[in-house]
């Protein structure tokens, strides 16, 4: 199976050993696109290379980004990993379920597997950029997993399922890019604030529900344009209302 359309994104990794270990796991299971968001350590140092072994080439070719939004601009679907449950972190998939979902997407869908900081994971605002959340079931006594171990479990499940004929049952529509989807959400946020639909003190509270709804739908480019058209029409109507009122 060719996994060239999947990128592995590490957000603010602090450990060179972890980065090198992730590279090794990537090569073990056939992945090659590594992206680092604001790394907190030199990812090309000896510790990283000693752990990566033959996969050291991934360290040299890794994409470096200032924030997660930038790293996901060309991605059409993203899985965000988390060990935390609760508000804004619902409907979590286990790695095998995430792999099954991936293999229903169109074959060339640019997809990201996003892993958070070793100590704090992914922030809620970063999970907002992902369509689905993935968690690894672990003991309640110590649920936090090492970054490289978590990556190994997830990549193994994707690799294992690639050997099955299940992945031939894929959707036909091509998802919109992460950049276009996020532009749509920002337009939506502004529009709904202008008409007082969102709480100005906490607009993201309700907006996150819409993110989950549209995330499950896997919007394509045409659907994003239709939604953008809807927000633009609401903008025009609201502007006319204000003019007539004034």
C-alpha atoms as a PDB file:
ATOM      1  CA  UNK A   1       0.000   0.000   0.000  1.00  0.00           C
ATOM      2  CA  UNK A   2       1.253   3.461  -0.910  1.00  0.00           C
ATOM      3  CA  UNK A   3       0.966   5.813   2.072  1.00  0.00           C
ATOM      4  CA  UNK A   4       2.539   8.795   0.313  1.00  0.00           C
ATOM      5  CA  UNK A   5      -0.742  10.693   0.742  1.00  0.00           C
ATOM      6  CA  UNK A   6      -0.552  10.492   4.550  1.00  0.00           C
ATOM      7  CA  UNK A   7       1.586  12.899   6.534  1.00  0.00           C
ATOM      8  CA  UNK A   8       2.610  12.395  10.143  1.00  0.00           C
ATOM      9  CA  UNK A   9       2.464  15.691  12.027  1.00  0.00           C
ATOM     10  CA  UNK A  10       4.198  16.213  15.370  1.00  0.00           C
ATOM     11  CA  UNK A  11       3.196  19.396  17.190  1.00  0.00           C
ATOM     12  CA  UNK A  12       5.960  21.042  19.220  1.00  0.00           C
ATOM     13  CA  UNK A  13       7.868  17.828  19.957  1.00  0.00           C
ATOM     14  CA  UNK A  14      10.379  18.245  22.777  1.00  0.00           C
ATOM     15  CA  UNK A  15      12.372  15.019  22.570  1.00  0.00           C
ATOM     16  CA  UNK A  16      14.882  14.276  19.834  1.00  0.00           C
ATOM     17  CA  UNK A  17      14.724  10.589  20.754  1.00  0.00           C
ATOM     18  CA  UNK A  18      10.976  10.611  20.219  1.00  0.00           C
ATOM     19  CA  UNK A  19      11.273  12.287  16.824  1.00  0.00           C
ATOM     20  CA  UNK A  20      13.874   9.761  15.716  1.00  0.00           C
ATOM     21  CA  UNK A  21      11.755   6.891  16.990  1.00  0.00           C
ATOM     22  CA  UNK A  22       8.719   8.151  15.064  1.00  0.00           C
ATOM     23  CA  UNK A  23      10.831   8.241  11.903  1.00  0.00           C
ATOM     24  CA  UNK A  24      11.839   4.631  12.437  1.00  0.00           C
ATOM     25  CA  UNK A  25       8.216   3.592  12.970  1.00  0.00           C
ATOM     26  CA  UNK A  26       7.215   5.465   9.833  1.00  0.00           C
ATOM     27  CA  UNK A  27       9.724   3.510   7.775  1.00  0.00           C
ATOM     28  CA  UNK A  28       8.635   0.261   9.444  1.00  0.00           C
ATOM     29  CA  UNK A  29       5.104   0.702   8.158  1.00  0.00           C
ATOM     30  CA  UNK A  30       5.650   2.476   4.851  1.00  0.00           C
ATOM     31  CA  UNK A  31       5.081   6.156   5.693  1.00  0.00           C
ATOM     32  CA  UNK A  32       7.469   8.908   4.614  1.00  0.00           C
ATOM     33  CA  UNK A  33       5.955  12.414   4.982  1.00  0.00           C
ATOM     34  CA  UNK A  34       7.022  13.889   8.346  1.00  0.00           C
ATOM     35  CA  UNK A  35       5.920  17.384   9.359  1.00  0.00           C
ATOM     36  CA  UNK A  36       7.096  19.171  12.499  1.00  0.00           C
ATOM     37  CA  UNK A  37       5.222  22.114  13.968  1.00  0.00           C
ATOM     38  CA  UNK A  38       7.493  24.474  15.894  1.00  0.00           C
ATOM     39  CA  UNK A  39       9.861  21.732  17.164  1.00  0.00           C
ATOM     40  CA  UNK A  40      11.381  22.482  20.559  1.00  0.00           C
ATOM     41  CA  UNK A  41      14.620  20.635  19.829  1.00  0.00           C
ATOM     42  CA  UNK A  42      17.075  20.187  16.958  1.00  0.00           C
ATOM     43  CA  UNK A  43      15.408  17.331  15.085  1.00  0.00           C
ATOM     44  CA  UNK A  44      18.591  16.549  13.174  1.00  0.00           C
ATOM     45  CA  UNK A  45      20.864  16.044  16.169  1.00  0.00           C
ATOM     46  CA  UNK A  46      22.708  12.818  16.982  1.00  0.00           C
ATOM     47  CA  UNK A  47      20.083  11.540  19.414  1.00  0.00           C
ATOM     48  CA  UNK A  48      17.394  11.738  16.754  1.00  0.00           C
ATOM     49  CA  UNK A  49      19.606  10.158  14.094  1.00  0.00           C
ATOM     50  CA  UNK A  50      20.705   7.327  16.383  1.00  0.00           C
ATOM     51  CA  UNK A  51      17.087   6.411  17.017  1.00  0.00           C
ATOM     52  CA  UNK A  52      15.994   6.828  13.404  1.00  0.00           C
ATOM     53  CA  UNK A  53      18.767   4.637  11.932  1.00  0.00           C
ATOM     54  CA  UNK A  54      17.962   4.171   8.209  1.00  0.00           C
ATOM     55  CA  UNK A  55      14.962   6.479   8.570  1.00  0.00           C
ATOM     56  CA  UNK A  56      17.269   9.435   9.211  1.00  0.00           C
ATOM     57  CA  UNK A  57      16.425  10.650   5.715  1.00  0.00           C
ATOM     58  CA  UNK A  58      12.985  11.594   7.071  1.00  0.00           C
ATOM     59  CA  UNK A  59      14.681  13.972   9.510  1.00  0.00           C
ATOM     60  CA  UNK A  60      16.455  15.711   6.634  1.00  0.00           C
ATOM     61  CA  UNK A  61      13.298  15.944   4.531  1.00  0.00           C
ATOM     62  CA  UNK A  62      10.887  16.902   7.319  1.00  0.00           C
ATOM     63  CA  UNK A  63       8.648  19.893   6.665  1.00  0.00           C
ATOM     64  CA  UNK A  64       8.904  22.585   9.348  1.00  0.00           C
ATOM     65  CA  UNK A  65       5.864  24.762  10.089  1.00  0.00           C
ATOM     66  CA  UNK A  66       5.133  27.580  12.499  1.00  0.00           C
ATOM     67  CA  UNK A  67       1.646  26.371  13.443  1.00  0.00           C
ATOM     68  CA  UNK A  68      -0.676  23.443  12.830  1.00  0.00           C
ATOM     69  CA  UNK A  69      -2.946  25.362  10.467  1.00  0.00           C
ATOM     70  CA  UNK A  70      -0.022  25.949   8.140  1.00  0.00           C
ATOM     71  CA  UNK A  71       0.991  22.283   8.295  1.00  0.00           C
ATOM     72  CA  UNK A  72      -2.529  21.163   7.342  1.00  0.00           C
ATOM     73  CA  UNK A  73      -3.238  23.656   4.548  1.00  0.00           C
ATOM     74  CA  UNK A  74      -2.922  21.060   1.792  1.00  0.00           C
ATOM     75  CA  UNK A  75      -4.595  18.263   3.777  1.00  0.00           C
ATOM     76  CA  UNK A  76      -8.164  17.298   3.006  1.00  0.00           C
ATOM     77  CA  UNK A  77      -8.766  15.195   6.098  1.00  0.00           C
ATOM     78  CA  UNK A  78      -7.036  15.149   9.479  1.00  0.00           C
ATOM     79  CA  UNK A  79      -7.072  12.846  12.486  1.00  0.00           C
ATOM     80  CA  UNK A  80      -6.129  14.507  15.778  1.00  0.00           C
ATOM     81  CA  UNK A  81      -4.954  12.256  18.600  1.00  0.00           C
ATOM     82  CA  UNK A  82      -5.891  12.855  22.225  1.00  0.00           C
ATOM     83  CA  UNK A  83      -6.051  10.978  25.510  1.00  0.00           C
ATOM     84  CA  UNK A  84      -8.429  13.475  27.100  1.00  0.00           C
ATOM     85  CA  UNK A  85     -12.196  13.133  27.113  1.00  0.00           C
ATOM     86  CA  UNK A  86     -14.942  15.629  27.869  1.00  0.00           C
ATOM     87  CA  UNK A  87     -16.192  18.890  26.434  1.00  0.00           C
ATOM     88  CA  UNK A  88     -15.239  19.369  22.763  1.00  0.00           C
ATOM     89  CA  UNK A  89     -13.566  15.931  22.773  1.00  0.00           C
ATOM     90  CA  UNK A  90     -16.394  13.561  21.942  1.00  0.00           C
ATOM     91  CA  UNK A  91     -17.040  10.737  19.459  1.00  0.00           C
ATOM     92  CA  UNK A  92     -13.465   9.508  19.762  1.00  0.00           C
ATOM     93  CA  UNK A  93     -12.285   6.732  17.453  1.00  0.00           C
ATOM     94  CA  UNK A  94      -9.869   3.978  18.362  1.00  0.00           C
ATOM     95  CA  UNK A  95      -6.968   3.460  15.919  1.00  0.00           C
ATOM     96  CA  UNK A  96      -8.609   0.516  14.059  1.00  0.00           C
ATOM     97  CA  UNK A  97     -11.761   2.603  13.544  1.00  0.00           C
ATOM     98  CA  UNK A  98      -9.710   5.541  12.286  1.00  0.00           C
ATOM     99  CA  UNK A  99      -7.966   3.248   9.811  1.00  0.00           C
ATOM    100  CA  UNK A 100     -11.318   1.941   8.574  1.00  0.00           C
ATOM    101  CA  UNK A 101     -12.566   5.492   8.064  1.00  0.00           C
ATOM    102  CA  UNK A 102      -9.413   6.427   6.166  1.00  0.00           C
ATOM    103  CA  UNK A 103      -9.932   3.566   3.762  1.00  0.00           C
ATOM    104  CA  UNK A 104     -13.401   4.824   2.848  1.00  0.00           C
ATOM    105  CA  UNK A 105     -11.954   8.161   1.650  1.00  0.00           C
ATOM    106  CA  UNK A 106     -11.051   8.691  -2.014  1.00  0.00           C
ATOM    107  CA  UNK A 107      -7.730   7.031  -2.805  1.00  0.00           C
ATOM    108  CA  UNK A 108      -5.705  10.239  -3.206  1.00  0.00           C
ATOM    109  CA  UNK A 109      -7.108  12.142  -0.218  1.00  0.00           C
ATOM    110  CA  UNK A 110      -4.266  14.065   1.437  1.00  0.00           C
ATOM    111  CA  UNK A 111      -4.585  12.982   5.060  1.00  0.00           C
ATOM    112  CA  UNK A 112      -2.803  13.910   8.283  1.00  0.00           C
ATOM    113  CA  UNK A 113      -2.258  11.989  11.492  1.00  0.00           C
ATOM    114  CA  UNK A 114      -1.586  14.659  14.108  1.00  0.00           C
ATOM    115  CA  UNK A 115       0.207  13.944  17.384  1.00  0.00           C
ATOM    116  CA  UNK A 116       0.478  16.499  20.176  1.00  0.00           C
ATOM    117  CA  UNK A 117       3.092  17.570  22.671  1.00  0.00           C
ATOM    118  CA  UNK A 118       4.642  14.953  24.921  1.00  0.00           C
ATOM    119  CA  UNK A 119       3.436  16.763  28.047  1.00  0.00           C
ATOM    120  CA  UNK A 120       0.263  18.622  27.008  1.00  0.00           C
ATOM    121  CA  UNK A 121      -0.983  16.912  23.857  1.00  0.00           C
ATOM    122  CA  UNK A 122      -3.047  18.911  21.374  1.00  0.00           C
ATOM    123  CA  UNK A 123      -4.894  22.022  22.490  1.00  0.00           C
ATOM    124  CA  UNK A 124      -8.619  22.288  21.770  1.00  0.00           C
ATOM    125  CA  UNK A 125      -8.021  25.022  19.195  1.00  0.00           C
ATOM    126  CA  UNK A 126      -5.685  22.603  17.355  1.00  0.00           C
ATOM    127  CA  UNK A 127      -8.200  19.767  17.476  1.00  0.00           C
ATOM    128  CA  UNK A 128     -10.633  22.213  15.864  1.00  0.00           C
ATOM    129  CA  UNK A 129      -8.541  21.858  12.694  1.00  0.00           C
ATOM    130  CA  UNK A 130      -9.071  18.082  12.613  1.00  0.00           C
ATOM    131  CA  UNK A 131     -12.171  16.300  11.321  1.00  0.00           C
ATOM    132  CA  UNK A 132     -11.902  13.277  13.642  1.00  0.00           C
ATOM    133  CA  UNK A 133     -10.332  12.498  16.988  1.00  0.00           C
ATOM    134  CA  UNK A 134      -8.405   9.335  17.801  1.00  0.00           C
ATOM    135  CA  UNK A 135      -7.641   7.925  21.220  1.00  0.00           C
ATOM    136  CA  UNK A 136      -5.762   4.810  22.288  1.00  0.00           C
ATOM    137  CA  UNK A 137      -7.521   2.827  25.022  1.00  0.00           C
ATOM    138  CA  UNK A 138      -5.146   2.445  27.953  1.00  0.00           C
ATOM    139  CA  UNK A 139      -5.205   1.789  31.674  1.00  0.00           C
ATOM    140  CA  UNK A 140      -6.860   4.481  33.762  1.00  0.00           C
ATOM    141  CA  UNK A 141      -3.882   4.236  36.116  1.00  0.00           C
ATOM    142  CA  UNK A 142      -1.564   5.620  33.424  1.00  0.00           C
ATOM    143  CA  UNK A 143      -3.380   6.588  30.190  1.00  0.00           C
ATOM    144  CA  UNK A 144      -0.679   8.891  28.785  1.00  0.00           C
ATOM    145  CA  UNK A 145       1.446   7.106  26.192  1.00  0.00           C
ATOM    146  CA  UNK A 146       4.906   7.875  24.885  1.00  0.00           C
ATOM    147  CA  UNK A 147       4.731   9.802  21.608  1.00  0.00           C
ATOM    148  CA  UNK A 148       6.597   7.219  19.529  1.00  0.00           C
ATOM    149  CA  UNK A 149       4.614   4.327  21.019  1.00  0.00           C
ATOM    150  CA  UNK A 150       1.335   6.078  20.220  1.00  0.00           C
ATOM    151  CA  UNK A 151       2.506   6.668  16.657  1.00  0.00           C
ATOM    152  CA  UNK A 152       3.514   3.007  16.331  1.00  0.00           C
ATOM    153  CA  UNK A 153       0.075   1.795  17.358  1.00  0.00           C
ATOM    154  CA  UNK A 154      -1.730   4.111  14.957  1.00  0.00           C
ATOM    155  CA  UNK A 155       0.536   3.469  11.975  1.00  0.00           C
ATOM    156  CA  UNK A 156       0.405  -0.284  12.579  1.00  0.00           C
ATOM    157  CA  UNK A 157      -3.410  -0.242  12.376  1.00  0.00           C
ATOM    158  CA  UNK A 158      -3.324   1.694   9.092  1.00  0.00           C
ATOM    159  CA  UNK A 159      -0.706  -0.630   7.682  1.00  0.00           C
ATOM    160  CA  UNK A 160      -2.545  -3.757   8.811  1.00  0.00           C
ATOM    161  CA  UNK A 161      -5.823  -2.707   7.210  1.00  0.00           C
ATOM    162  CA  UNK A 162      -4.081  -1.827   3.949  1.00  0.00           C
ATOM    163  CA  UNK A 163      -3.648  -5.571   3.415  1.00  0.00           C
ATOM    164  CA  UNK A 164      -7.422  -6.009   3.436  1.00  0.00           C
ATOM    165  CA  UNK A 165      -9.719  -5.610   0.433  1.00  0.00           C
ATOM    166  CA  UNK A 166     -11.923  -3.360   2.578  1.00  0.00           C
ATOM    167  CA  UNK A 167     -10.006  -0.308   1.428  1.00  0.00           C
ATOM    168  CA  UNK A 168     -11.378  -0.762  -2.108  1.00  0.00           C
ATOM    169  CA  UNK A 169     -14.775   0.512  -0.897  1.00  0.00           C
ATOM    170  CA  UNK A 170     -13.960   4.208  -1.132  1.00  0.00           C
ATOM    171  CA  UNK A 171     -16.010   7.349  -1.630  1.00  0.00           C
ATOM    172  CA  UNK A 172     -15.941   9.047  -5.017  1.00  0.00           C
ATOM    173  CA  UNK A 173     -16.000  12.706  -4.005  1.00  0.00           C
ATOM    174  CA  UNK A 174     -12.688  14.439  -3.286  1.00  0.00           C
ATOM    175  CA  UNK A 175     -12.620  16.338   0.029  1.00  0.00           C
ATOM    176  CA  UNK A 176     -11.840  20.049   0.092  1.00  0.00           C
ATOM    177  CA  UNK A 177      -8.433  21.187   1.304  1.00  0.00           C
ATOM    178  CA  UNK A 178      -7.845  22.072   4.930  1.00  0.00           C
ATOM    179  CA  UNK A 179      -7.082  25.657   3.906  1.00  0.00           C
ATOM    180  CA  UNK A 180     -10.406  26.099   2.110  1.00  0.00           C
ATOM    181  CA  UNK A 181     -12.372  24.478   4.912  1.00  0.00           C
ATOM    182  CA  UNK A 182     -10.752  26.692   7.536  1.00  0.00           C
ATOM    183  CA  UNK A 183     -11.409  29.807   5.403  1.00  0.00           C
ATOM    184  CA  UNK A 184     -15.046  28.744   5.242  1.00  0.00           C
ATOM    185  CA  UNK A 185     -15.225  28.341   9.030  1.00  0.00           C
ATOM    186  CA  UNK A 186     -13.666  31.750   9.617  1.00  0.00           C
ATOM    187  CA  UNK A 187     -16.178  33.323   7.222  1.00  0.00           C
ATOM    188  CA  UNK A 188     -18.969  31.423   8.995  1.00  0.00           C
ATOM    189  CA  UNK A 189     -17.771  32.663  12.373  1.00  0.00           C
ATOM    190  CA  UNK A 190     -17.753  36.296  11.235  1.00  0.00           C
ATOM    191  CA  UNK A 191     -21.181  36.012   9.615  1.00  0.00           C
ATOM    192  CA  UNK A 192     -22.837  34.359  12.601  1.00  0.00           C
ATOM    193  CA  UNK A 193     -21.274  36.906  14.948  1.00  0.00           C
ATOM    194  CA  UNK A 194     -22.604  39.758  12.799  1.00  0.00           C
ATOM    195  CA  UNK A 195     -26.172  38.446  13.076  1.00  0.00           C
ATOM    196  CA  UNK A 196     -25.771  37.798  16.830  1.00  0.00           C
ATOM    197  CA  UNK A 197     -26.190  34.044  16.439  1.00  0.00           C
ATOM    198  CA  UNK A 198     -22.908  33.277  18.199  1.00  0.00           C
ATOM    199  CA  UNK A 199     -22.031  34.447  21.684  1.00  0.00           C
ATOM    200  CA  UNK A 200     -19.440  37.177  21.184  1.00  0.00           C
ATOM    201  CA  UNK A 201     -17.789  36.210  24.484  1.00  0.00           C
ATOM    202  CA  UNK A 202     -17.316  32.588  23.421  1.00  0.00           C
ATOM    203  CA  UNK A 203     -18.068  32.160  19.704  1.00  0.00           C
ATOM    204  CA  UNK A 204     -16.076  28.941  19.362  1.00  0.00           C
ATOM    205  CA  UNK A 205     -18.363  27.057  21.762  1.00  0.00           C
ATOM    206  CA  UNK A 206     -21.169  26.628  19.228  1.00  0.00           C
ATOM    207  CA  UNK A 207     -18.864  26.808  16.234  1.00  0.00           C
ATOM    208  CA  UNK A 208     -17.134  23.619  17.427  1.00  0.00           C
ATOM    209  CA  UNK A 209     -20.440  21.785  17.098  1.00  0.00           C
ATOM    210  CA  UNK A 210     -20.643  22.895  13.468  1.00  0.00           C
ATOM    211  CA  UNK A 211     -17.040  21.754  12.973  1.00  0.00           C
ATOM    212  CA  UNK A 212     -18.001  18.276  14.180  1.00  0.00           C
ATOM    213  CA  UNK A 213     -21.118  18.172  11.971  1.00  0.00           C
ATOM    214  CA  UNK A 214     -19.282  19.257   8.828  1.00  0.00           C
ATOM    215  CA  UNK A 215     -16.285  17.114   9.750  1.00  0.00           C
ATOM    216  CA  UNK A 216     -18.459  14.003   9.694  1.00  0.00           C
ATOM    217  CA  UNK A 217     -19.829  15.081   6.303  1.00  0.00           C
ATOM    218  CA  UNK A 218     -16.333  15.310   4.714  1.00  0.00           C
ATOM    219  CA  UNK A 219     -17.091  18.368   2.577  1.00  0.00           C
ATOM    220  CA  UNK A 220     -15.845  18.561  -0.986  1.00  0.00           C
ATOM    221  CA  UNK A 221     -14.815  21.760  -2.777  1.00  0.00           C
ATOM    222  CA  UNK A 222     -18.268  22.328  -4.294  1.00  0.00           C
ATOM    223  CA  UNK A 223     -19.982  21.992  -0.923  1.00  0.00           C
ATOM    224  CA  UNK A 224     -17.542  24.460   0.626  1.00  0.00           C
ATOM    225  CA  UNK A 225     -18.303  26.956  -2.162  1.00  0.00           C
ATOM    226  CA  UNK A 226     -22.046  26.511  -1.556  1.00  0.00           C
ATOM    227  CA  UNK A 227     -21.604  27.221   2.153  1.00  0.00           C
ATOM    228  CA  UNK A 228     -19.411  30.212   1.378  1.00  0.00           C
ATOM    229  CA  UNK A 229     -22.174  31.451  -0.899  1.00  0.00           C
ATOM    230  CA  UNK A 230     -24.690  31.050   1.913  1.00  0.00           C
ATOM    231  CA  UNK A 231     -22.573  33.086   4.331  1.00  0.00           C
ATOM    232  CA  UNK A 232     -22.064  35.765   1.657  1.00  0.00           C
ATOM    233  CA  UNK A 233     -25.809  35.955   1.062  1.00  0.00           C
ATOM    234  CA  UNK A 234     -26.446  36.330   4.791  1.00  0.00           C
ATOM    235  CA  UNK A 235     -23.751  39.030   4.887  1.00  0.00           C
ATOM    236  CA  UNK A 236     -25.542  40.930   2.106  1.00  0.00           C
ATOM    237  CA  UNK A 237     -28.966  40.624   3.737  1.00  0.00           C
ATOM    238  CA  UNK A 238     -27.605  41.760   7.090  1.00  0.00           C
ATOM    239  CA  UNK A 239     -25.882  44.721   5.447  1.00  0.00           C
ATOM    240  CA  UNK A 240     -29.141  45.721   3.718  1.00  0.00           C
ATOM    241  CA  UNK A 241     -31.027  45.387   7.000  1.00  0.00           C
ATOM    242  CA  UNK A 242     -28.573  47.730   8.701  1.00  0.00           C
ATOM    243  CA  UNK A 243     -28.826  50.254   5.853  1.00  0.00           C
ATOM    244  CA  UNK A 244     -32.650  50.229   5.951  1.00  0.00           C
ATOM    245  CA  UNK A 245     -32.634  50.476   9.722  1.00  0.00           C
ATOM    246  CA  UNK A 246     -30.260  53.434   9.607  1.00  0.00           C
END
